[in-house]
Amino acid sequence: MKKRILVIILSFFLIGLSGCQSDRQESWEKQVFWGFDTWIEVTVPSSYSRLLPKVKTYVQQLDQEWNRFSSSSLISKINDSPSPCRVDKDTFHLIELSWKLKEKTGGFFHIGVASLVDLWGFSTRPRVPSPAEIEKALAELAEFSIVIDYQKQTVTVENGKIDLGGIAKGYLVDYIANFLRKEGVTKGLINAGGTVTGWGKKWKVGVTHPRQPELLGYIMVDGQVVSTSGDYFRYLEKEGKRYSHILNPFTGYPKDDFLSATVVAENGALADALSTAIMAGGWEALSSIRAEFPQVGIVLVEQEGIVYLSPSVQPYFTLSLPELELRDLL
């Protein structure tokens, strides 16, 4: 699985660095880091290569703080503590944003699904839980809550545990991009396991085909963030059926309306969370999300291989596989 993810990531950058003659003549520096359970690639002009060790440090620090499987992480401390936990501003903002996005996505983006994800064993030994186990987990999830104290900058998790896996990579992309811009980097490219941003020029960001080892198309971006969630990154197959690791918080099971969902948004945290929510809730989630976020671009690949494009993404999307059927997302 890691090898396939790496191939996908490299394909993003082979497209991203193609362009006009002046871009090909410019000297670039690219480094690859492991963090957030994926490969993270950062590409900047060679004159700014001195900043890449700092980026690596940031990735390692945030990965450690937000990794709920590490007993020493801040998220583990929040999950295990019955009392309010004071947190740093980035963690506070990320949890606050995640909780707000739960409401804005109709509940389909939900950071309280940690126990449900563990039940399926996607991080250890994947299995299909029994209906009774699912029912019990959903009853517990219904009682989940987060208490946020803005004055004291504390967070309290009640009746469950949080998992930031559906938004953390997007927030990380924003974090790195903001740092590089503040340091004067006028153009660059970042890819964190399928969440990609490029700025300073028009970048081609590839959208991989969920069932074929090639790109189905690409999106032109300059400052926007593209996030793709799909059933091919991490999944379980049993008796010919594929179960994605992205779970519907209302049913306890993966939704199979789409093979992949790609979102183009103004920031990575939003793009990451919305692509996760669409995969979790399918067409039902899409209705709420489009009403709440009409400005985001959306590319969907349905089970039959049909590709749907929202009006806002159509001017920036180019299809690479002409045999695929394109439809307007109305």
Protein backbone atom coordinates (compact mmCIF):
# COMPACT_ATOMS: atom_id res chain seq x y z
CA MET A 1 0.00 0.00 0.00
CA LYS A 2 2.83 2.44 0.84
CA LYS A 3 4.43 1.84 -2.55
CA ARG A 4 1.18 2.66 -4.35
CA ILE A 5 0.73 5.84 -2.35
CA LEU A 6 4.29 6.88 -3.21
CA VAL A 7 3.62 6.35 -6.92
CA ILE A 8 0.53 8.54 -6.68
CA ILE A 9 2.46 11.26 -4.91
CA LEU A 10 5.24 11.24 -7.47
CA SER A 11 2.70 11.54 -10.26
CA PHE A 12 1.39 14.72 -8.66
CA PHE A 13 4.80 16.29 -8.83
CA LEU A 14 5.77 15.12 -12.29
CA ILE A 15 2.73 17.00 -13.54
CA GLY A 16 3.17 19.88 -11.13
CA LEU A 17 6.70 20.70 -12.23
CA SER A 18 5.91 20.58 -15.92
CA GLY A 19 5.25 23.95 -17.44
CA CYS A 20 6.92 26.78 -19.30
CA GLN A 21 10.59 26.82 -20.25
CA SER A 22 11.54 29.23 -17.43
CA ASP A 23 10.11 26.81 -14.83
CA ARG A 24 12.11 23.92 -16.24
CA GLN A 25 15.29 26.02 -16.10
CA GLU A 26 14.70 27.09 -12.51
CA SER A 27 16.47 25.03 -9.90
CA TRP A 28 14.18 23.22 -7.45
CA GLU A 29 14.75 21.36 -4.22
CA LYS A 30 12.38 18.59 -3.15
CA GLN A 31 12.38 16.62 0.07
CA VAL A 32 10.17 13.75 1.16
CA PHE A 33 9.22 13.20 4.80
CA TRP A 34 7.23 10.47 6.53
CA GLY A 35 4.53 11.73 8.86
CA PHE A 36 0.79 11.56 9.52
CA ASP A 37 0.92 7.96 8.25
CA THR A 38 1.81 9.06 4.72
CA TRP A 39 4.54 10.52 2.54
CA ILE A 40 4.83 14.30 2.54
CA GLU A 41 6.62 16.07 -0.31
CA VAL A 42 7.69 19.70 -0.23
CA THR A 43 9.21 21.40 -3.28
CA VAL A 44 10.68 24.91 -3.20
CA PRO A 45 13.19 26.92 -5.26
CA SER A 46 16.71 25.77 -4.42
CA SER A 47 17.52 29.17 -2.96
CA TYR A 48 15.12 28.32 -0.09
CA SER A 49 16.31 24.76 0.53
CA ARG A 50 17.63 25.88 3.94
CA LEU A 51 14.01 25.98 5.14
CA LEU A 52 13.30 22.31 4.47
CA PRO A 53 14.92 20.98 7.68
CA LYS A 54 12.58 23.28 9.63
CA VAL A 55 9.63 21.93 7.67
CA LYS A 56 10.70 18.39 8.56
CA THR A 57 10.85 19.37 12.23
CA TYR A 58 7.36 20.87 12.07
CA VAL A 59 6.00 17.69 10.47
CA GLN A 60 7.56 15.52 13.17
CA GLN A 61 6.35 17.76 16.00
CA LEU A 62 2.76 18.02 14.78
CA ASP A 63 2.63 14.31 13.96
CA GLN A 64 3.71 13.49 17.49
CA GLU A 65 1.23 15.89 19.07
CA TRP A 66 -1.78 14.80 16.99
CA ASN A 67 -1.13 11.05 16.80
CA ARG A 68 -3.77 9.45 19.00
CA PHE A 69 -1.96 6.10 18.87
CA SER A 70 1.02 7.56 20.73
CA SER A 71 0.49 7.52 24.50
CA SER A 72 2.67 10.60 24.87
CA SER A 73 0.78 12.70 22.30
CA LEU A 74 -1.35 15.68 23.21
CA ILE A 75 -4.39 14.06 21.60
CA SER A 76 -3.97 10.98 23.79
CA LYS A 77 -3.79 13.18 26.85
CA ILE A 78 -6.99 14.94 25.80
CA ASN A 79 -8.71 11.61 25.13
CA ASP A 80 -7.63 10.11 28.46
CA SER A 81 -8.29 13.12 30.66
CA PRO A 82 -11.65 13.53 32.45
CA SER A 83 -10.84 17.19 33.10
CA PRO A 84 -10.18 20.12 30.76
CA CYS A 85 -6.81 20.09 28.95
CA ARG A 86 -5.05 23.31 28.08
CA VAL A 87 -3.64 23.07 24.56
CA ASP A 88 -1.50 25.11 22.19
CA LYS A 89 -3.19 27.50 19.77
CA ASP A 90 -2.86 25.25 16.69
CA THR A 91 -4.37 22.22 18.41
CA PHE A 92 -7.11 24.39 19.88
CA HIS A 93 -7.93 25.90 16.50
CA LEU A 94 -7.88 22.51 14.78
CA ILE A 95 -10.28 20.93 17.28
CA GLU A 96 -12.51 24.02 17.27
CA LEU A 97 -12.63 24.01 13.46
CA SER A 98 -13.32 20.28 13.38
CA TRP A 99 -16.23 20.64 15.78
CA LYS A 100 -17.73 23.46 13.71
CA LEU A 101 -17.36 21.47 10.51
CA LYS A 102 -19.33 18.63 12.08
CA GLU A 103 -22.33 20.93 12.18
CA LYS A 104 -21.72 22.44 8.74
CA THR A 105 -21.46 19.04 7.06
CA GLY A 106 -24.64 17.71 8.64
CA GLY A 107 -22.60 15.53 10.99
CA PHE A 108 -20.85 13.54 8.26
CA PHE A 109 -17.44 14.93 9.21
CA HIS A 110 -17.04 13.75 12.77
CA ILE A 111 -13.78 13.58 14.77
CA GLY A 112 -15.51 11.50 17.43
CA VAL A 113 -15.43 8.31 15.35
CA ALA A 114 -12.19 7.03 16.90
CA SER A 115 -13.84 4.14 18.75
CA LEU A 116 -15.81 3.20 15.64
CA VAL A 117 -12.64 3.17 13.52
CA ASP A 118 -10.92 1.03 16.14
CA LEU A 119 -13.84 -1.39 16.06
CA TRP A 120 -13.19 -1.97 12.36
CA GLY A 121 -9.48 -2.42 13.11
CA PHE A 122 -8.23 -0.37 10.18
CA SER A 123 -5.10 0.61 12.11
CA THR A 124 -4.39 -2.93 13.30
CA ARG A 125 -6.25 -5.96 11.92
CA PRO A 126 -9.19 -4.95 9.70
CA ARG A 127 -12.43 -6.86 10.16
CA VAL A 128 -16.15 -6.39 9.61
CA PRO A 129 -17.82 -5.90 13.01
CA SER A 130 -21.09 -7.58 13.89
CA PRO A 131 -24.33 -5.56 13.70
CA ALA A 132 -24.55 -5.68 17.50
CA GLU A 133 -21.06 -4.18 17.82
CA ILE A 134 -21.93 -1.43 15.34
CA GLU A 135 -25.13 -0.63 17.20
CA LYS A 136 -23.29 -0.33 20.50
CA ALA A 137 -20.60 1.91 18.99
CA LEU A 138 -23.22 4.19 17.43
CA ALA A 139 -25.01 4.51 20.76
CA GLU A 140 -21.75 5.62 22.35
CA LEU A 141 -21.05 8.03 19.49
CA ALA A 142 -24.45 9.64 20.01
CA GLU A 143 -23.30 10.66 23.51
CA PHE A 144 -19.99 12.10 22.31
CA SER A 145 -19.32 15.78 22.95
CA ILE A 146 -16.52 18.33 23.11
CA VAL A 147 -16.46 21.22 25.57
CA ILE A 148 -14.36 24.14 24.32
CA ASP A 149 -13.37 26.93 26.68
CA TYR A 150 -12.24 29.91 24.61
CA GLN A 151 -11.11 31.99 27.57
CA LYS A 152 -8.89 29.31 29.12
CA GLN A 153 -8.01 27.67 25.77
CA THR A 154 -8.95 24.23 27.07
CA VAL A 155 -10.64 21.22 25.51
CA THR A 156 -12.65 18.49 27.23
CA VAL A 157 -13.74 15.33 25.43
CA GLU A 158 -16.81 13.66 26.88
CA ASN A 159 -17.98 10.10 26.17
CA GLY A 160 -15.47 9.10 23.54
CA LYS A 161 -12.19 9.88 21.83
CA ILE A 162 -11.17 12.19 19.01
CA ASP A 163 -9.37 11.25 15.82
CA LEU A 164 -8.05 14.07 13.64
CA GLY A 165 -7.15 11.83 10.71
CA GLY A 166 -9.79 13.35 8.44
CA ILE A 167 -8.47 16.91 8.69
CA ALA A 168 -4.93 16.90 10.10
CA LYS A 169 -3.11 16.53 6.76
CA GLY A 170 -5.02 19.48 5.35
CA TYR A 171 -4.17 21.61 8.36
CA LEU A 172 -0.54 20.52 8.02
CA VAL A 173 -0.46 21.65 4.38
CA ASP A 174 -1.80 25.06 5.45
CA TYR A 175 0.76 25.23 8.26
CA ILE A 176 3.72 24.49 5.98
CA ALA A 177 2.50 26.80 3.20
CA ASN A 178 1.98 29.69 5.62
CA PHE A 179 5.43 29.18 7.11
CA LEU A 180 7.12 29.13 3.69
CA ARG A 181 5.26 32.22 2.49
CA LYS A 182 6.23 34.14 5.63
CA GLU A 183 9.84 33.21 4.90
CA GLY A 184 9.55 34.74 1.44
CA VAL A 185 8.98 31.64 -0.70
CA THR A 186 6.99 33.00 -3.63
CA LYS A 187 6.31 29.68 -5.30
CA GLY A 188 6.18 26.13 -4.08
CA LEU A 189 4.37 22.81 -4.04
CA ILE A 190 3.25 20.62 -1.11
CA ASN A 191 1.65 17.19 -1.14
CA ALA A 192 0.61 15.41 2.05
CA GLY A 193 -0.84 12.06 1.05
CA GLY A 194 -3.31 13.39 -1.51
CA THR A 195 -3.82 16.87 -0.10
CA VAL A 196 -1.95 19.20 -2.43
CA THR A 197 -1.33 22.92 -2.80
CA GLY A 198 0.81 24.97 -5.14
CA TRP A 199 1.28 28.72 -5.33
CA GLY A 200 3.21 31.35 -7.24
CA LYS A 201 2.29 29.93 -10.65
CA LYS A 202 -0.29 27.68 -12.26
CA TRP A 203 0.32 24.14 -11.06
CA LYS A 204 -1.16 20.96 -12.52
CA VAL A 205 -2.45 18.78 -9.69
CA GLY A 206 -3.27 15.25 -10.77
CA VAL A 207 -6.38 13.33 -9.77
CA THR A 208 -5.64 9.62 -9.77
CA HIS A 209 -8.05 7.04 -11.12
CA PRO A 210 -9.42 5.03 -8.18
CA ARG A 211 -9.14 1.71 -10.03
CA GLN A 212 -6.37 2.24 -12.56
CA PRO A 213 -2.67 3.11 -12.07
CA GLU A 214 -2.97 6.40 -13.94
CA LEU A 215 -4.43 9.88 -13.66
CA LEU A 216 -7.99 10.49 -14.80
CA GLY A 217 -7.31 14.23 -15.07
CA TYR A 218 -5.73 17.26 -13.50
CA ILE A 219 -6.76 20.53 -11.88
CA MET A 220 -4.96 23.84 -12.35
CA VAL A 221 -4.36 25.66 -9.07
CA ASP A 222 -2.56 28.73 -7.81
CA GLY A 223 -3.00 29.07 -4.07
CA GLN A 224 -5.94 26.69 -3.74
CA VAL A 225 -5.73 23.29 -2.05
CA VAL A 226 -6.85 20.01 -3.60
CA SER A 227 -7.76 17.07 -1.36
CA THR A 228 -8.75 13.60 -2.54
CA SER A 229 -10.31 10.93 -0.34
CA GLY A 230 -11.06 7.49 -1.71
CA ASP A 231 -11.71 3.85 -1.03
CA TYR A 232 -8.33 2.84 -2.43
CA PHE A 233 -5.96 4.35 0.16
CA ARG A 234 -6.92 2.04 3.04
CA TYR A 235 -9.61 -0.59 2.86
CA LEU A 236 -10.75 -4.10 3.72
CA GLU A 237 -11.98 -6.64 1.19
CA LYS A 238 -14.22 -9.50 2.30
CA GLU A 239 -16.29 -11.81 0.14
CA GLY A 240 -15.76 -9.60 -2.89
CA LYS A 241 -16.87 -6.39 -1.19
CA ARG A 242 -14.57 -3.46 -0.49
CA TYR A 243 -14.95 -1.57 2.79
CA SER A 244 -13.31 1.86 2.94
CA HIS A 245 -11.72 3.10 6.17
CA ILE A 246 -13.87 6.25 5.95
CA LEU A 247 -16.97 5.46 8.00
CA ASN A 248 -20.44 6.96 7.99
CA PRO A 249 -21.02 8.21 11.57
CA PHE A 250 -24.76 7.57 11.28
CA THR A 251 -24.66 3.96 10.07
CA GLY A 252 -21.25 2.79 11.31
CA TYR A 253 -20.43 1.40 7.86
CA PRO A 254 -18.52 2.83 4.89
CA LYS A 255 -20.64 4.47 2.24
CA ASP A 256 -20.05 3.20 -1.31
CA ASP A 257 -21.65 5.93 -3.42
CA PHE A 258 -18.26 7.14 -4.66
CA LEU A 259 -14.87 5.59 -5.37
CA SER A 260 -13.22 8.93 -4.70
CA ALA A 261 -14.08 12.52 -3.85
CA THR A 262 -11.82 15.45 -4.70
CA VAL A 263 -12.42 18.90 -3.24
CA VAL A 264 -10.78 22.19 -4.23
CA ALA A 265 -10.96 24.83 -1.50
CA GLU A 266 -9.26 27.95 -0.24
CA ASN A 267 -7.45 26.05 2.53
CA GLY A 268 -6.30 22.52 3.20
CA ALA A 269 -8.20 21.87 6.41
CA LEU A 270 -11.50 22.60 4.69
CA ALA A 271 -10.66 20.61 1.56
CA ASP A 272 -9.50 17.61 3.62
CA ALA A 273 -12.55 17.61 5.89
CA LEU A 274 -15.04 18.01 3.04
CA SER A 275 -13.56 15.24 0.88
CA THR A 276 -13.71 12.99 3.95
CA ALA A 277 -17.32 13.95 4.65
CA ILE A 278 -18.41 13.30 1.06
CA MET A 279 -16.89 9.83 1.11
CA ALA A 280 -18.48 9.16 4.50
CA GLY A 281 -21.98 10.26 3.53
CA GLY A 282 -22.16 9.96 -0.24
CA TRP A 283 -24.92 11.79 -2.05
CA GLU A 284 -26.68 12.61 1.20
CA ALA A 285 -23.65 14.42 2.60
CA LEU A 286 -23.03 16.14 -0.72
CA SER A 287 -26.38 17.91 -0.56
CA SER A 288 -25.56 19.52 2.80
CA ILE A 289 -22.01 20.38 1.83
CA ARG A 290 -22.91 22.08 -1.44
CA ALA A 291 -25.55 24.16 0.30
CA GLU A 292 -23.09 25.25 3.02
CA PHE A 293 -19.99 25.58 0.81
CA PRO A 294 -21.19 26.54 -2.70
CA GLN A 295 -17.78 27.98 -3.62
CA VAL A 296 -15.75 24.75 -3.37
CA GLY A 297 -14.91 22.69 -6.44
CA ILE A 298 -15.83 19.01 -6.43
CA VAL A 299 -14.78 16.05 -8.61
CA LEU A 300 -16.53 12.74 -7.90
CA VAL A 301 -15.94 9.28 -9.34
CA GLU A 302 -19.00 7.07 -9.05
CA GLN A 303 -19.04 3.28 -8.82
CA GLU A 304 -19.79 2.97 -12.53
CA GLY A 305 -16.76 5.11 -13.34
CA ILE A 306 -18.78 8.22 -14.16
CA VAL A 307 -16.96 11.47 -13.28
CA TYR A 308 -19.05 14.34 -11.88
CA LEU A 309 -17.78 17.94 -11.92
CA SER A 310 -19.25 20.86 -10.01
CA PRO A 311 -19.62 24.09 -12.03
CA SER A 312 -16.90 25.85 -10.02
CA VAL A 313 -14.22 23.30 -10.91
CA GLN A 314 -15.03 22.82 -14.59
CA PRO A 315 -12.90 25.74 -15.90
CA TYR A 316 -9.82 24.32 -14.14
CA PHE A 317 -10.24 20.59 -14.79
CA THR A 318 -8.86 18.66 -17.78
CA LEU A 319 -9.78 15.04 -18.42
CA SER A 320 -6.86 12.75 -19.25
CA LEU A 321 -8.89 9.62 -20.04
CA PRO A 322 -11.36 10.46 -22.83
CA GLU A 323 -13.14 7.12 -22.44
CA LEU A 324 -14.58 8.27 -19.12
CA GLU A 325 -18.02 9.86 -19.04
CA LEU A 326 -18.22 13.39 -17.63
CA ARG A 327 -21.40 14.73 -16.08
CA ASP A 328 -22.33 18.03 -14.54
CA LEU A 329 -22.88 17.99 -10.79
CA LEU A 330 -26.19 19.82 -10.68
